[in-house]
Amino acid sequence: MAAYWFCVKHHRVEQTPGDVCPPIDRLGPYDSEADAARALEKAKERNEDWDNDPEWSDETDWAGLPKRRHPQ
């Protein structure tokens, strides 16, 4: 089964098996070429969602980890 990756170094979709960039330079795997092509857009959307998550605070606990605003 083929997998698709997005190379952040070359800004292109790559497919395995085949010649692909090292894992440090890739996002994925994705099921389709179209999903891989929008990898950076999806990452931006997820970052915005996480930055605006009302359940998390920028405060850190004793271990330096983010505190939940509303503990479960």
Foldseek 3Di string as FASTA:
>chain_A
DKWWKAFQVVRAIDIPPDDDDDPVRIDDGDPDRVCRNCVVVVVVVVVVCVVPPQQWDPDADPVRHTDGPDDD
